[in-house]
Protein backbone atom coordinates (compact mmCIF):
# COMPACT_ATOMS: atom_id res chain seq x y z
CA SER A 1 -17.18 -28.84 24.87
CA ARG A 2 -18.49 -24.77 24.97
CA SER A 3 -14.45 -24.64 25.66
CA ASN A 4 -13.93 -24.67 22.33
CA PRO A 5 -13.55 -21.28 20.51
CA HIS A 6 -14.97 -22.29 17.49
CA TYR A 7 -18.20 -23.55 19.29
CA SER A 8 -18.45 -20.40 21.15
CA VAL A 9 -18.21 -18.42 17.77
CA MET A 10 -21.03 -20.51 16.42
CA PHE A 11 -23.03 -20.55 19.23
CA GLY A 12 -23.07 -17.04 19.95
CA ARG A 13 -24.20 -16.66 16.19
CA VAL A 14 -27.12 -19.03 16.59
CA ARG A 15 -28.18 -17.66 19.90
CA LEU A 16 -28.27 -14.36 18.48
CA GLY A 17 -30.77 -15.70 15.74
CA ALA A 18 -32.77 -17.58 18.05
CA ARG A 19 -33.24 -14.44 20.37
CA PHE A 20 -34.00 -12.47 17.11
CA ALA A 21 -36.76 -15.42 16.20
CA ALA A 22 -38.43 -15.41 19.76
CA ARG A 23 -38.74 -11.34 19.40
CA ILE A 24 -40.20 -11.23 16.11
CA GLY A 25 -42.35 -14.84 16.51
CA ASN A 26 -41.30 -16.19 13.42
CA ARG A 27 -40.98 -20.14 13.91
CA ALA A 28 -39.92 -19.95 10.01
CA VAL A 29 -36.65 -18.56 10.93
CA MET A 30 -35.99 -21.01 13.80
CA ALA A 31 -36.35 -23.75 11.16
CA ARG A 32 -33.70 -22.38 9.05
CA LEU A 33 -31.17 -22.48 11.92
CA PRO A 34 -30.70 -26.33 12.02
CA LEU A 35 -28.79 -27.91 15.08
CA VAL A 36 -26.85 -31.14 13.85
CA ARG A 37 -26.35 -33.81 16.66
CA ALA A 38 -22.65 -35.50 16.36
CA GLY A 39 -23.48 -37.80 19.33
CA ALA A 40 -24.15 -37.51 22.91
CA ALA A 41 -20.95 -36.01 23.70
CA ALA A 42 -21.44 -33.11 20.72
CA ALA A 43 -25.06 -32.49 21.79
CA GLY A 44 -26.03 -29.30 20.39
CA ALA A 45 -22.85 -28.64 18.30
CA VAL A 46 -23.52 -26.37 15.08
CA THR A 47 -21.91 -27.18 12.08
CA LEU A 48 -20.37 -24.86 9.39
CA ALA A 49 -23.18 -26.17 7.13
CA ALA A 50 -25.67 -24.75 9.38
CA ILE A 51 -23.82 -21.37 9.60
CA ALA A 52 -23.46 -21.24 5.87
CA SER A 53 -27.28 -21.57 5.55
CA ALA A 54 -28.38 -19.24 7.94
CA PRO A 55 -30.33 -15.98 7.18
CA VAL A 56 -28.44 -13.10 5.58
CA TRP A 57 -28.94 -11.20 9.07
CA CYS A 58 -26.76 -14.23 10.69
CA ARG A 59 -23.85 -13.92 8.04
CA GLU A 60 -21.01 -11.46 7.74
CA PRO A 61 -22.34 -8.14 6.56
CA ALA A 62 -22.35 -7.50 2.50
CA VAL A 63 -20.02 -5.13 0.52
CA ASN A 64 -21.75 -1.76 0.55
CA TRP A 65 -20.89 -0.95 -3.20
CA GLY A 66 -22.70 2.35 -3.00
CA LYS A 67 -20.01 3.55 -0.67
CA VAL A 68 -17.36 1.76 -2.27
CA ARG A 69 -18.18 3.75 -5.36
CA GLU A 70 -17.92 6.65 -3.19
CA GLN A 71 -14.46 6.26 -2.05
CA ILE A 72 -13.54 5.49 -5.47
CA VAL A 73 -14.92 8.64 -6.90
CA GLU A 74 -13.42 10.48 -3.78
CA ILE A 75 -9.88 9.18 -5.17
CA LEU A 76 -10.65 9.96 -8.49
CA ASP A 77 -11.63 13.68 -8.01
CA SER A 78 -8.79 14.22 -5.37
CA GLU A 79 -6.67 17.22 -5.76
CA ASP A 80 -3.89 15.23 -4.64
CA HIS A 81 -3.95 13.19 -8.23
CA MET A 82 -4.75 15.86 -10.41
CA GLU A 83 -0.82 15.93 -11.55
CA GLU A 84 -1.49 12.06 -12.45
CA PRO A 85 -4.94 11.34 -12.60
CA PRO A 86 -5.92 7.87 -11.22
CA GLY A 87 -8.85 6.74 -13.43
CA PRO A 88 -6.88 5.97 -16.59
CA GLN A 89 -4.64 3.62 -14.23
CA PHE A 90 -7.57 2.17 -12.97
CA VAL A 91 -8.46 1.00 -16.36
CA ARG A 92 -5.18 -0.03 -17.09
CA LEU A 93 -4.87 -1.94 -13.80
CA ALA A 94 -8.15 -3.90 -14.35
CA TRP A 95 -7.37 -4.26 -18.23
CA HIS A 96 -3.81 -5.98 -17.21
CA SER A 97 -5.49 -8.38 -14.53
CA ALA A 98 -7.98 -9.86 -16.81
CA GLY A 99 -6.22 -9.58 -19.91
CA THR A 100 -4.02 -13.07 -18.79
CA TYR A 101 -7.06 -15.09 -19.51
CA CYS A 102 -6.60 -17.98 -22.03
CA LYS A 103 -9.47 -19.72 -23.33
CA HIS A 104 -7.83 -22.69 -24.17
CA THR A 105 -6.57 -23.61 -20.47
CA LYS A 106 -9.38 -21.55 -18.72
CA THR A 107 -6.44 -19.82 -16.55
CA GLY A 108 -5.92 -16.32 -15.95
CA GLY A 109 -8.44 -13.64 -15.85
CA SER A 110 -10.33 -11.19 -13.61
CA ASP A 111 -10.81 -13.69 -11.00
CA ALA A 112 -7.35 -13.91 -9.02
CA ALA A 113 -5.72 -10.76 -8.41
CA THR A 114 -2.67 -12.25 -8.91
CA MET A 115 -0.66 -9.23 -9.69
CA ARG A 116 -0.55 -8.74 -6.08
CA TYR A 117 2.55 -11.14 -6.27
CA GLY A 118 5.94 -10.37 -7.70
CA ALA A 119 5.90 -13.13 -10.03
CA GLU A 120 3.03 -11.27 -12.13
CA GLY A 121 3.48 -7.64 -10.66
CA ASN A 122 6.98 -7.51 -12.22
CA TRP A 123 6.01 -8.07 -15.72
CA GLY A 124 7.30 -5.27 -17.87
CA ALA A 125 3.89 -4.73 -19.48
CA ASN A 126 2.79 -4.17 -15.56
CA ALA A 127 5.29 -1.66 -14.57
CA GLY A 128 4.20 1.65 -12.80
CA LEU A 129 0.63 -0.31 -11.73
CA ALA A 130 1.93 -0.97 -8.05
CA LYS A 131 0.77 2.98 -7.55
CA SER A 132 -2.73 2.04 -8.73
CA ARG A 133 -3.10 -1.07 -6.43
CA THR A 134 -1.73 1.47 -3.42
CA LEU A 135 -4.33 3.59 -4.08
CA LEU A 136 -6.94 1.32 -3.74
CA GLU A 137 -5.78 0.08 -0.53
CA GLY A 138 -7.52 2.34 1.51
CA VAL A 139 -10.94 1.23 0.13
CA LYS A 140 -10.05 -2.34 0.61
CA ALA A 141 -9.46 -1.62 4.31
CA HIS A 142 -12.83 -0.16 4.99
CA HIS A 143 -14.51 -3.10 3.16
CA PRO A 144 -12.89 -6.40 4.52
CA ASN A 145 -15.11 -8.62 2.43
CA LEU A 146 -14.28 -6.87 -0.60
CA SER A 147 -11.96 -9.06 -2.93
CA TYR A 148 -9.05 -7.32 -4.58
CA ALA A 149 -10.10 -8.63 -7.88
CA ASP A 150 -13.75 -7.30 -7.23
CA LEU A 151 -12.20 -3.73 -6.42
CA TRP A 152 -9.88 -3.64 -9.18
CA VAL A 153 -12.45 -4.39 -11.77
CA PHE A 154 -14.93 -2.18 -9.81
CA ALA A 155 -12.70 0.58 -10.01
CA ALA A 156 -12.12 0.60 -13.58
CA ILE A 157 -15.77 0.21 -14.31
CA VAL A 158 -16.71 3.40 -12.05
CA ALA A 159 -13.34 5.28 -13.72
CA ILE A 160 -14.71 4.85 -17.09
CA GLU A 161 -18.01 6.08 -16.39
CA GLU A 162 -16.53 9.07 -14.29
CA MET A 163 -14.59 9.65 -17.56
CA GLY A 164 -17.53 10.09 -19.84
CA GLY A 165 -17.46 6.54 -20.61
CA PRO A 166 -20.31 3.90 -21.01
CA LYS A 167 -22.04 2.61 -17.93
CA VAL A 168 -20.25 -1.26 -18.06
CA PRO A 169 -22.55 -3.83 -16.17
CA PHE A 170 -20.72 -5.23 -13.04
CA LYS A 171 -21.06 -8.47 -11.51
CA PRO A 172 -19.22 -9.09 -8.13
CA GLY A 173 -18.12 -12.27 -6.90
CA ARG A 174 -14.40 -12.90 -7.76
CA SER A 175 -12.13 -14.37 -5.60
CA ASP A 176 -8.43 -13.58 -4.44
CA LYS A 177 -6.25 -16.71 -5.15
CA PRO A 178 -2.49 -17.48 -3.85
CA PRO A 179 0.39 -17.08 -6.03
CA THR A 180 0.42 -20.43 -7.55
CA ALA A 181 -2.85 -19.00 -9.44
CA THR A 182 -0.31 -16.71 -11.36
CA PRO A 183 -0.65 -17.53 -14.95
CA THR A 184 1.92 -18.42 -17.28
CA TRP A 185 2.00 -18.96 -21.25
CA THR A 186 4.92 -19.61 -23.45
CA VAL A 187 4.46 -19.88 -27.32
CA LYS A 188 6.54 -18.51 -30.40
CA GLN A 189 4.57 -15.16 -30.24
CA HIS A 190 4.35 -13.86 -26.80
CA ALA A 191 4.92 -10.70 -24.75
CA GLU A 192 8.44 -10.23 -23.41
CA ASP A 193 7.08 -11.69 -20.22
CA GLY A 194 3.49 -12.67 -19.01
CA ARG A 195 0.59 -12.86 -21.38
CA LEU A 196 -0.08 -8.99 -22.19
CA PRO A 197 0.29 -7.52 -25.71
CA SER A 198 3.47 -5.98 -26.69
CA ALA A 199 3.55 -2.46 -28.48
CA ASP A 200 5.90 -3.31 -31.25
CA MET A 201 6.96 -6.74 -32.93
CA GLY A 202 9.33 -5.16 -35.46
CA SER A 203 7.09 -4.90 -38.02
CA ASP A 204 3.43 -3.97 -39.11
CA ALA A 205 2.77 -7.21 -40.43
CA ALA A 206 4.38 -9.18 -37.10
CA THR A 207 2.60 -6.63 -34.66
CA ALA A 208 -0.72 -7.21 -36.22
CA ALA A 209 -0.44 -11.20 -36.02
CA HIS A 210 0.94 -10.32 -32.59
CA LEU A 211 -2.27 -8.59 -31.52
CA ARG A 212 -4.73 -11.12 -33.13
CA ASN A 213 -2.55 -13.79 -31.38
CA ILE A 214 -3.02 -12.12 -27.83
CA PHE A 215 -6.57 -11.33 -28.05
CA ASN A 216 -7.98 -14.41 -30.08
CA ARG A 217 -6.40 -16.30 -26.67
CA MET A 218 -8.86 -14.49 -25.01
CA GLY A 219 -11.84 -15.02 -27.15
CA PHE A 220 -11.66 -11.37 -28.99
CA ASN A 221 -12.25 -10.87 -32.90
CA ASP A 222 -10.86 -7.83 -34.87
CA GLN A 223 -13.71 -5.55 -34.14
CA GLU A 224 -13.46 -6.22 -30.46
CA ILE A 225 -9.46 -5.85 -30.81
CA VAL A 226 -10.09 -2.06 -32.18
CA ALA A 227 -12.76 -1.34 -29.73
CA LEU A 228 -10.69 -2.28 -26.95
CA SER A 229 -7.60 -0.18 -27.90
CA GLY A 230 -9.65 2.84 -27.65
CA ALA A 231 -8.76 2.86 -24.25
CA HIS A 232 -5.74 4.49 -25.30
CA ALA A 233 -8.06 7.59 -25.38
CA LEU A 234 -7.20 7.49 -21.78
CA GLY A 235 -3.85 8.35 -19.94
CA ARG A 236 -0.35 8.75 -20.97
CA CYS A 237 2.82 6.66 -21.36
CA HIS A 238 5.77 7.27 -19.06
CA THR A 239 9.61 6.61 -19.72
CA ASP A 240 10.20 5.36 -16.11
CA ALA A 241 7.34 2.63 -16.54
CA SER A 242 6.87 1.22 -20.40
CA GLY A 243 9.62 3.63 -21.38
CA TYR A 244 7.40 5.29 -24.15
CA TRP A 245 6.36 9.04 -23.77
CA GLY A 246 3.45 11.20 -24.06
CA PRO A 247 -0.29 10.97 -24.18
CA TRP A 248 -2.62 9.82 -27.17
CA THR A 249 -4.89 12.49 -27.10
CA TYR A 250 -5.07 16.40 -25.70
CA ALA A 251 -7.92 15.10 -23.17
CA PRO A 252 -6.32 11.85 -21.42
CA THR A 253 -9.02 12.00 -18.73
CA THR A 254 -11.76 11.84 -21.38
CA MET A 255 -13.34 8.86 -22.92
CA SER A 256 -14.07 9.55 -26.91
CA ASN A 257 -13.49 8.49 -30.18
CA GLU A 258 -10.74 11.13 -30.39
CA TYR A 259 -8.41 8.53 -30.42
CA TYR A 260 -9.33 7.11 -33.81
CA ARG A 261 -9.95 10.50 -35.27
CA LEU A 262 -6.29 11.45 -34.49
CA LEU A 263 -4.91 8.33 -36.05
CA PHE A 264 -6.66 9.12 -39.53
CA ASP A 265 -6.15 12.91 -39.31
CA VAL A 266 -2.43 13.55 -38.04
CA LYS A 267 0.61 12.88 -39.76
CA TRP A 268 2.57 10.59 -37.68
CA THR A 269 6.14 10.38 -37.87
CA GLU A 270 8.90 8.48 -35.92
CA LYS A 271 10.18 9.86 -32.58
CA LYS A 272 13.92 11.34 -32.98
CA THR A 273 14.12 13.81 -30.11
CA HIS A 274 12.92 14.68 -26.81
CA GLU A 275 13.24 17.74 -25.26
CA GLY A 276 16.22 18.94 -27.29
CA LYS A 277 18.07 15.48 -26.95
CA PRO A 278 17.84 12.32 -29.22
CA TRP A 279 15.29 9.92 -28.38
CA THR A 280 16.73 6.80 -26.60
CA GLY A 281 13.28 5.11 -25.96
CA PRO A 282 11.50 2.22 -27.85
CA ARG A 283 9.93 2.83 -31.32
CA GLN A 284 7.01 5.15 -31.29
CA PHE A 285 5.46 8.07 -33.52
CA GLU A 286 4.85 11.36 -32.81
CA ASN A 287 2.57 14.27 -34.22
CA PRO A 288 3.85 17.64 -35.93
CA ALA A 289 4.02 19.28 -32.58
CA GLY A 290 5.84 16.43 -30.64
CA ASP A 291 3.11 16.42 -27.78
CA LEU A 292 1.11 13.32 -29.07
CA MET A 293 2.15 9.90 -29.62
CA MET A 294 0.93 6.75 -30.94
CA LEU A 295 2.75 3.26 -30.53
CA PRO A 296 3.35 0.83 -33.47
CA SER A 297 0.35 -1.09 -32.18
CA ASP A 298 -1.65 1.83 -32.97
CA LEU A 299 -0.83 2.95 -36.03
CA VAL A 300 -1.54 -1.02 -37.07
CA LEU A 301 -5.07 -0.19 -36.53
CA ILE A 302 -5.31 1.95 -39.69
CA LYS A 303 -2.79 -0.21 -41.52
CA ASP A 304 -4.15 -3.44 -41.14
CA PRO A 305 -7.12 -3.83 -43.66
CA SER A 306 -9.53 -5.43 -41.42
CA PHE A 307 -8.66 -3.40 -38.44
CA ARG A 308 -8.77 -0.11 -40.35
CA LYS A 309 -12.64 -0.78 -41.29
CA HIS A 310 -13.68 -0.69 -37.42
CA ALA A 311 -11.19 2.16 -36.62
CA GLU A 312 -13.02 4.24 -39.55
CA ALA A 313 -16.09 3.37 -38.02
CA TYR A 314 -15.39 4.44 -34.71
CA ALA A 315 -13.83 7.47 -36.12
CA LYS A 316 -16.97 8.97 -37.49
CA ASP A 317 -19.10 7.61 -34.49
CA ASP A 318 -18.45 8.36 -31.02
CA ASP A 319 -21.62 6.38 -29.68
CA LYS A 320 -20.90 3.58 -31.49
CA PHE A 321 -17.35 3.29 -30.23
CA LYS A 322 -18.96 3.87 -26.53
CA GLU A 323 -21.38 1.28 -27.18
CA ASP A 324 -18.98 -1.36 -28.67
CA PHE A 325 -16.18 -0.68 -26.22
CA GLY A 326 -18.49 -1.10 -23.52
CA ARG A 327 -19.65 -4.43 -24.62
CA ALA A 328 -16.06 -5.49 -25.15
CA PHE A 329 -14.96 -4.23 -21.76
CA GLU A 330 -17.67 -6.01 -19.87
CA LYS A 331 -16.53 -8.98 -21.59
CA LEU A 332 -13.00 -8.72 -21.02
CA MET A 333 -13.65 -7.97 -17.11
CA ASN A 334 -15.76 -11.19 -16.79
CA LEU A 335 -13.02 -13.39 -18.38
CA GLY A 336 -12.02 -16.37 -16.25
CA PHE A 337 -14.93 -15.49 -13.75
CA ALA A 338 -18.13 -15.56 -15.70
């Protein structure tokens, strides 16, 4: 019956296609709009399968990725965010979303965007990322067919390129999933909550083992672990989020190998004071001036022999770092998806 609203919508779409076909005189187009009879009472009804097989011009509009990019760049360049540039946080958002992947159970990864829900969004490692997700809501509103999962990944890729990093290939098609898809993981060596790496496990040996445990679970080797750690060239830590304080480099919105050079060139000592008062935050290290920081997991990269050789290579060659980082980041962004 035509009183059925679903029939009306589908019939309207097919009729629009018929008029277009008649106008251009293309019988082949009409052939791609099959009408399926479900019996005499439902003659002329169109199935959902028919709509799915309809030509592109009959379907929902595709995502305009050029426009999405423009809007992300507008956010990155906005003077409203100069005090706290969003680029590094977009990278962290996508990183923490995709970094939940487990190669053994095939769960987690970038194809879900379950950080939208409290079960994952409230992990300690994700503290402060609600602001980044909110910044991207305006982009999502302009593109209703764009999934959050794709948006987060694309925003990170655009941000990396805009900050001087490599051009990372992007493949769309990720979906948004319900809260039940939130990944969980329980083993002896795990982060305080969730599946993301911790900055300090109490000793260099334990921290190195923890990094391998987390990253190997995703499918990364030592070289890729060190390359991805280079994302710490961007951004800074905040006491109201991670509990740590300070930037890793003097250019926190520039993607470069400066992070590795500083690891080797600076004498890092444990932080004892902050702004004239005793430091009460978690264990971290600072340069002589006290305006740069490194986490225990950062310093492990020059203490562990296998990690160190890769860190040395990147400290000497910015191009090699960016090439390897781009390749590893593309792999990270596709975990659980491609």
